[in-house]
Amino acid sequence: PKLEGDKFYFHEVIGFDVEDKRLGIVGKIVSVNDIAAQPLFEVLKDNVIEILIPMIDHFIVKVDRKNKVIKMDLPEGLIEMYL
């Protein structure tokens, strides 16, 4: 069944951009790692840097299927520690 709103299947968001409320576009989702207890977005920034972002409902502001963007409000320092 098709999911709506901020709910999604993991395969559905591959290729979506991740946009942080503070930093803007972080990168593109290349995979979802669901091996651990907490699934992670595997995001590629500038086709070079891999960033792992926890898939926590509280972080997800909006799933914009039309524009293929997941808007997030990430904790300060999470992205910066990869740069």
C-alpha atoms as a PDB file:
ATOM      1  CA  PRO A   1       0.000   0.000   0.000  1.00  0.00           C
ATOM      2  CA  LYS A   2       1.063   3.553  -0.693  1.00  0.00           C
ATOM      3  CA  LEU A   3       2.205   5.525   2.357  1.00  0.00           C
ATOM      4  CA  GLU A   4       1.437   9.207   2.744  1.00  0.00           C
ATOM      5  CA  GLY A   5       2.577  12.143   4.838  1.00  0.00           C
ATOM      6  CA  ASP A   6       5.894  11.663   6.595  1.00  0.00           C
ATOM      7  CA  LYS A   7       5.745   7.850   6.448  1.00  0.00           C
ATOM      8  CA  PHE A   8       7.732   6.079   3.729  1.00  0.00           C
ATOM      9  CA  TYR A   9       9.237   2.806   2.642  1.00  0.00           C
ATOM     10  CA  PHE A  10      13.033   2.737   2.776  1.00  0.00           C
ATOM     11  CA  HIS A  11      13.406   2.067  -0.963  1.00  0.00           C
ATOM     12  CA  GLU A  12      11.122   5.003  -1.753  1.00  0.00           C
ATOM     13  CA  VAL A  13      13.560   7.665  -0.488  1.00  0.00           C
ATOM     14  CA  ILE A  14      16.728   6.494  -2.265  1.00  0.00           C
ATOM     15  CA  GLY A  15      17.818   9.453  -4.399  1.00  0.00           C
ATOM     16  CA  PHE A  16      16.016  12.035  -2.236  1.00  0.00           C
ATOM     17  CA  ASP A  17      17.960  15.075  -1.023  1.00  0.00           C
ATOM     18  CA  VAL A  18      18.266  15.690   2.713  1.00  0.00           C
ATOM     19  CA  GLU A  19      17.713  19.326   3.630  1.00  0.00           C
ATOM     20  CA  ASP A  20      18.555  20.489   7.136  1.00  0.00           C
ATOM     21  CA  LYS A  21      16.695  23.418   8.683  1.00  0.00           C
ATOM     22  CA  ARG A  22      19.986  25.226   9.472  1.00  0.00           C
ATOM     23  CA  LEU A  23      22.446  23.991   6.849  1.00  0.00           C
ATOM     24  CA  GLY A  24      20.287  23.599   3.757  1.00  0.00           C
ATOM     25  CA  ILE A  25      20.970  20.678   1.396  1.00  0.00           C
ATOM     26  CA  VAL A  26      23.205  18.140   3.146  1.00  0.00           C
ATOM     27  CA  GLY A  27      23.403  15.567   0.360  1.00  0.00           C
ATOM     28  CA  LYS A  28      21.584  12.748  -1.413  1.00  0.00           C
ATOM     29  CA  ILE A  29      20.314   9.530   0.192  1.00  0.00           C
ATOM     30  CA  VAL A  30      22.181   6.653  -1.446  1.00  0.00           C
ATOM     31  CA  SER A  31      21.046   3.886   0.895  1.00  0.00           C
ATOM     32  CA  VAL A  32      19.215   3.079   4.103  1.00  0.00           C
ATOM     33  CA  ASN A  33      21.129   1.041   6.681  1.00  0.00           C
ATOM     34  CA  ASP A  34      18.656  -0.944   8.775  1.00  0.00           C
ATOM     35  CA  ILE A  35      21.094  -3.480  10.251  1.00  0.00           C
ATOM     36  CA  ALA A  36      21.369  -1.718  13.623  1.00  0.00           C
ATOM     37  CA  ALA A  37      18.545  -1.055  16.071  1.00  0.00           C
ATOM     38  CA  GLN A  38      18.229   2.486  14.685  1.00  0.00           C
ATOM     39  CA  PRO A  39      17.949   2.727  10.875  1.00  0.00           C
ATOM     40  CA  LEU A  40      20.245   5.290   9.264  1.00  0.00           C
ATOM     41  CA  PHE A  41      20.081   7.359   6.103  1.00  0.00           C
ATOM     42  CA  GLU A  42      23.369   6.949   4.231  1.00  0.00           C
ATOM     43  CA  VAL A  43      23.815  10.365   2.636  1.00  0.00           C
ATOM     44  CA  LEU A  44      26.481  11.296   0.104  1.00  0.00           C
ATOM     45  CA  LYS A  45      27.626  14.925   0.201  1.00  0.00           C
ATOM     46  CA  ASP A  46      29.324  16.296  -2.912  1.00  0.00           C
ATOM     47  CA  ASN A  47      29.681  12.701  -4.199  1.00  0.00           C
ATOM     48  CA  VAL A  48      32.543  12.240  -1.721  1.00  0.00           C
ATOM     49  CA  ILE A  49      31.640  12.379   1.983  1.00  0.00           C
ATOM     50  CA  GLU A  50      29.361   9.717   3.487  1.00  0.00           C
ATOM     51  CA  ILE A  51      27.175  10.998   6.314  1.00  0.00           C
ATOM     52  CA  LEU A  52      25.053   8.718   8.510  1.00  0.00           C
ATOM     53  CA  ILE A  53      21.853  10.312   9.780  1.00  0.00           C
ATOM     54  CA  PRO A  54      19.603   8.509  12.282  1.00  0.00           C
ATOM     55  CA  MET A  55      16.058   8.025  10.990  1.00  0.00           C
ATOM     56  CA  ILE A  56      14.333   9.499  14.022  1.00  0.00           C
ATOM     57  CA  ASP A  57      10.769  10.749  13.600  1.00  0.00           C
ATOM     58  CA  HIS A  58      11.579  13.807  15.717  1.00  0.00           C
ATOM     59  CA  PHE A  59      14.281  14.855  13.192  1.00  0.00           C
ATOM     60  CA  ILE A  60      12.013  14.525  10.136  1.00  0.00           C
ATOM     61  CA  VAL A  61      10.068  17.730   9.484  1.00  0.00           C
ATOM     62  CA  LYS A  62       8.559  16.859   6.096  1.00  0.00           C
ATOM     63  CA  VAL A  63       8.810  14.273   3.334  1.00  0.00           C
ATOM     64  CA  ASP A  64       8.355  16.156   0.056  1.00  0.00           C
ATOM     65  CA  ARG A  65       7.744  13.414  -2.509  1.00  0.00           C
ATOM     66  CA  LYS A  66       7.053  15.853  -5.339  1.00  0.00           C
ATOM     67  CA  ASN A  67      10.503  17.492  -5.060  1.00  0.00           C
ATOM     68  CA  LYS A  68      12.251  14.382  -3.679  1.00  0.00           C
ATOM     69  CA  VAL A  69      13.428  16.095  -0.492  1.00  0.00           C
ATOM     70  CA  ILE A  70      13.350  15.045   3.147  1.00  0.00           C
ATOM     71  CA  LYS A  71      13.375  18.170   5.292  1.00  0.00           C
ATOM     72  CA  MET A  72      14.987  17.610   8.672  1.00  0.00           C
ATOM     73  CA  ASP A  73      15.804  19.482  11.868  1.00  0.00           C
ATOM     74  CA  LEU A  74      19.091  17.841  12.846  1.00  0.00           C
ATOM     75  CA  PRO A  75      20.955  18.376  16.113  1.00  0.00           C
ATOM     76  CA  GLU A  76      23.739  20.922  15.901  1.00  0.00           C
ATOM     77  CA  GLY A  77      27.075  19.238  15.262  1.00  0.00           C
ATOM     78  CA  LEU A  78      25.728  16.013  13.728  1.00  0.00           C
ATOM     79  CA  ILE A  79      26.643  16.936  10.146  1.00  0.00           C
ATOM     80  CA  GLU A  80      29.682  19.008  11.085  1.00  0.00           C
ATOM     81  CA  MET A  81      31.436  16.020  12.668  1.00  0.00           C
ATOM     82  CA  TYR A  82      31.686  14.443   9.189  1.00  0.00           C
ATOM     83  CA  LEU A  83      33.164  17.536   7.538  1.00  0.00           C
END
